[in-house]
Structures are given as structure tokens and as C-alpha cells.
Amino acid sequence: MIRLADLTAWGEICKSDFMTLRISATETVRRFSELMNRVRYRGESFVVERGGKPICEILPALPPKFSGRDLADLLRSLPKPDEEYLAGVEKLAAKQSTVAESRWPR
């Protein structure tokens, strides 16, 4: 929960550049959860600075432009490979060396 007192203190730490707020890396670490909530629920963006220079930007993720359904539809629309192509793939697969059994327990 953001209190009015926090917003006042925040104004001293962040410099506003239109809709993007600038914040120090140190303050980002201290308020990371709050920043994530502001990005997710308010659509705010932040430029993280170290030594007064921008190093990265935290902003809302864009919705995917190509969904899994779009991929499935595309794959269904492609022509089926011919027998010669499939035989070539099988031949190459047979030549691949086998991977050693993992020593890591499962």
C-alpha cells in the first residue's frame, strides 16, 4: 500500500520524464515489489540509473504478437514434407551420436 507520505518521499528520489520515472538502482532494490505493482497495475515505466546514468528500463510487457494458436494454424497451413525429405531427416537423425546418460539423479 502506498501512503501519501511515501509519494512525497518518492518525489525526492524519482525524477519524472513525462510518463517515465527515473530511479536509482539502490532505490529500485529497496522498492522492487512496489515497482512491479506500479508497472503491472498502473502501467508505469521506470528508467533505472546508476551514478546518474540510465542502465535499464522497467516497463509493462507487451502482449504477444503471435499466439500459440497462430503458430498451430501456421503449421497446419504449410505443405506436408514429401517422402524424400522425410527419408533425409531420418538418415541424418540415425547418424547423430547418442547423448551419454546423465549422472544427475532424477
C-alpha atoms as a PDB file:
ATOM      1  CA  MET A   1       0.000   0.000   0.000  1.00  0.00           C
ATOM      2  CA  ILE A   2       1.406   3.366  -0.992  1.00  0.00           C
ATOM      3  CA  ARG A   3       0.861   6.169   1.519  1.00  0.00           C
ATOM      4  CA  LEU A   4       0.815   9.871   0.740  1.00  0.00           C
ATOM      5  CA  ALA A   5       3.989  10.266   2.798  1.00  0.00           C
ATOM      6  CA  ASP A   6       5.665   7.644   0.603  1.00  0.00           C
ATOM      7  CA  LEU A   7       4.643   9.515  -2.544  1.00  0.00           C
ATOM      8  CA  THR A   8       6.151  12.723  -1.192  1.00  0.00           C
ATOM      9  CA  ALA A   9       9.407  10.961  -0.327  1.00  0.00           C
ATOM     10  CA  TRP A  10       9.280   9.188  -3.696  1.00  0.00           C
ATOM     11  CA  GLY A  11       9.168  12.534  -5.485  1.00  0.00           C
ATOM     12  CA  GLU A  12      12.522  13.427  -3.947  1.00  0.00           C
ATOM     13  CA  ILE A  13      14.059  10.180  -5.225  1.00  0.00           C
ATOM     14  CA  CYS A  14      12.469   9.890  -8.684  1.00  0.00           C
ATOM     15  CA  LYS A  15      12.725  12.450 -11.430  1.00  0.00           C
ATOM     16  CA  SER A  16       9.809  12.429 -13.835  1.00  0.00           C
ATOM     17  CA  ASP A  17      10.399  12.463 -17.577  1.00  0.00           C
ATOM     18  CA  PHE A  18       6.852  12.640 -18.972  1.00  0.00           C
ATOM     19  CA  MET A  19       5.391   9.186 -18.216  1.00  0.00           C
ATOM     20  CA  THR A  20       8.706   7.505 -17.399  1.00  0.00           C
ATOM     21  CA  LEU A  21      10.092   7.889 -13.905  1.00  0.00           C
ATOM     22  CA  ARG A  22      13.825   7.804 -13.237  1.00  0.00           C
ATOM     23  CA  ILE A  23      15.008   5.939 -10.149  1.00  0.00           C
ATOM     24  CA  SER A  24      18.388   4.982  -8.732  1.00  0.00           C
ATOM     25  CA  ALA A  25      19.468   1.337  -8.715  1.00  0.00           C
ATOM     26  CA  THR A  26      19.661   1.446  -4.917  1.00  0.00           C
ATOM     27  CA  GLU A  27      16.096   2.701  -4.595  1.00  0.00           C
ATOM     28  CA  THR A  28      14.960   0.116  -7.147  1.00  0.00           C
ATOM     29  CA  VAL A  29      16.288  -2.669  -4.911  1.00  0.00           C
ATOM     30  CA  ARG A  30      14.585  -1.189  -1.866  1.00  0.00           C
ATOM     31  CA  ARG A  31      11.195  -0.810  -3.595  1.00  0.00           C
ATOM     32  CA  PHE A  32      11.270  -3.630  -6.143  1.00  0.00           C
ATOM     33  CA  SER A  33       7.918  -5.186  -5.168  1.00  0.00           C
ATOM     34  CA  GLU A  34       6.232  -1.782  -5.203  1.00  0.00           C
ATOM     35  CA  LEU A  35       7.729  -1.013  -8.622  1.00  0.00           C
ATOM     36  CA  MET A  36       6.444  -4.307 -10.038  1.00  0.00           C
ATOM     37  CA  ASN A  37       2.951  -3.481  -8.772  1.00  0.00           C
ATOM     38  CA  ARG A  38       3.076   0.023 -10.239  1.00  0.00           C
ATOM     39  CA  VAL A  39       4.197  -1.375 -13.588  1.00  0.00           C
ATOM     40  CA  ARG A  40       1.570  -4.113 -13.611  1.00  0.00           C
ATOM     41  CA  TYR A  41      -1.453  -2.290 -12.251  1.00  0.00           C
ATOM     42  CA  ARG A  42      -0.807   1.330 -13.274  1.00  0.00           C
ATOM     43  CA  GLY A  43       1.188   0.796 -16.458  1.00  0.00           C
ATOM     44  CA  GLU A  44       4.027   2.995 -15.177  1.00  0.00           C
ATOM     45  CA  SER A  45       7.565   2.812 -16.580  1.00  0.00           C
ATOM     46  CA  PHE A  46      10.878   3.372 -14.818  1.00  0.00           C
ATOM     47  CA  VAL A  47      14.390   4.110 -16.011  1.00  0.00           C
ATOM     48  CA  VAL A  48      16.897   2.697 -13.528  1.00  0.00           C
ATOM     49  CA  GLU A  49      20.026   4.792 -13.141  1.00  0.00           C
ATOM     50  CA  ARG A  50      23.416   4.042 -11.654  1.00  0.00           C
ATOM     51  CA  GLY A  51      25.612   7.036 -10.993  1.00  0.00           C
ATOM     52  CA  GLY A  52      23.039   9.239 -12.708  1.00  0.00           C
ATOM     53  CA  LYS A  53      23.289   7.307 -15.990  1.00  0.00           C
ATOM     54  CA  PRO A  54      20.471   5.095 -17.311  1.00  0.00           C
ATOM     55  CA  ILE A  55      21.275   1.365 -17.227  1.00  0.00           C
ATOM     56  CA  CYS A  56      17.909  -0.295 -17.871  1.00  0.00           C
ATOM     57  CA  GLU A  57      14.194   0.281 -18.169  1.00  0.00           C
ATOM     58  CA  ILE A  58      11.354  -1.435 -16.325  1.00  0.00           C
ATOM     59  CA  LEU A  59       8.117  -1.239 -18.281  1.00  0.00           C
ATOM     60  CA  PRO A  60       4.906  -3.200 -18.862  1.00  0.00           C
ATOM     61  CA  ALA A  61       5.315  -6.275 -21.032  1.00  0.00           C
ATOM     62  CA  LEU A  62       3.662  -6.114 -24.423  1.00  0.00           C
ATOM     63  CA  PRO A  63       1.059  -8.715 -25.263  1.00  0.00           C
ATOM     64  CA  PRO A  64       2.412 -11.450 -27.520  1.00  0.00           C
ATOM     65  CA  LYS A  65       2.043 -10.616 -31.188  1.00  0.00           C
ATOM     66  CA  PHE A  66       1.952 -14.250 -32.195  1.00  0.00           C
ATOM     67  CA  SER A  67      -0.011 -16.710 -30.055  1.00  0.00           C
ATOM     68  CA  GLY A  68       0.371 -20.456 -29.784  1.00  0.00           C
ATOM     69  CA  ARG A  69      -2.870 -20.804 -31.697  1.00  0.00           C
ATOM     70  CA  ASP A  70      -1.417 -18.647 -34.500  1.00  0.00           C
ATOM     71  CA  LEU A  71       1.627 -20.940 -34.628  1.00  0.00           C
ATOM     72  CA  ALA A  72      -0.534 -24.067 -34.765  1.00  0.00           C
ATOM     73  CA  ASP A  73      -2.626 -22.557 -37.568  1.00  0.00           C
ATOM     74  CA  LEU A  74       0.522 -21.627 -39.485  1.00  0.00           C
ATOM     75  CA  LEU A  75       1.992 -25.122 -39.138  1.00  0.00           C
ATOM     76  CA  ARG A  76      -1.274 -26.677 -40.317  1.00  0.00           C
ATOM     77  CA  SER A  77      -1.291 -24.413 -43.378  1.00  0.00           C
ATOM     78  CA  LEU A  78       2.213 -25.399 -44.533  1.00  0.00           C
ATOM     79  CA  PRO A  79       2.592 -28.063 -47.211  1.00  0.00           C
ATOM     80  CA  LYS A  80       3.396 -31.547 -45.941  1.00  0.00           C
ATOM     81  CA  PRO A  81       7.012 -32.676 -46.460  1.00  0.00           C
ATOM     82  CA  ASP A  82       7.490 -35.249 -49.202  1.00  0.00           C
ATOM     83  CA  GLU A  83       8.851 -38.774 -48.635  1.00  0.00           C
ATOM     84  CA  GLU A  84      12.342 -37.876 -49.903  1.00  0.00           C
ATOM     85  CA  TYR A  85      12.644 -35.084 -47.358  1.00  0.00           C
ATOM     86  CA  LEU A  86      11.444 -37.335 -44.507  1.00  0.00           C
ATOM     87  CA  ALA A  87      13.900 -40.063 -45.547  1.00  0.00           C
ATOM     88  CA  GLY A  88      16.725 -37.489 -45.473  1.00  0.00           C
ATOM     89  CA  VAL A  89      15.756 -36.349 -41.986  1.00  0.00           C
ATOM     90  CA  GLU A  90      15.633 -39.943 -40.731  1.00  0.00           C
ATOM     91  CA  LYS A  91      19.044 -40.654 -42.287  1.00  0.00           C
ATOM     92  CA  LEU A  92      20.581 -37.623 -40.573  1.00  0.00           C
ATOM     93  CA  ALA A  93      18.935 -38.492 -37.257  1.00  0.00           C
ATOM     94  CA  ALA A  94      20.377 -42.009 -37.428  1.00  0.00           C
ATOM     95  CA  LYS A  95      23.887 -40.556 -37.833  1.00  0.00           C
ATOM     96  CA  GLN A  96      23.604 -38.433 -34.677  1.00  0.00           C
ATOM     97  CA  SER A  97      25.658 -39.665 -31.748  1.00  0.00           C
ATOM     98  CA  THR A  98      23.755 -40.655 -28.653  1.00  0.00           C
ATOM     99  CA  VAL A  99      23.872 -38.483 -25.570  1.00  0.00           C
ATOM    100  CA  ALA A 100      25.577 -40.027 -22.537  1.00  0.00           C
ATOM    101  CA  GLU A 101      23.346 -40.917 -19.620  1.00  0.00           C
ATOM    102  CA  SER A 102      23.148 -38.075 -17.101  1.00  0.00           C
ATOM    103  CA  ARG A 103      24.980 -38.576 -13.841  1.00  0.00           C
ATOM    104  CA  TRP A 104      22.463 -36.361 -12.109  1.00  0.00           C
ATOM    105  CA  PRO A 105      19.812 -38.212 -10.104  1.00  0.00           C
ATOM    106  CA  ARG A 106      16.244 -37.880 -11.312  1.00  0.00           C
END
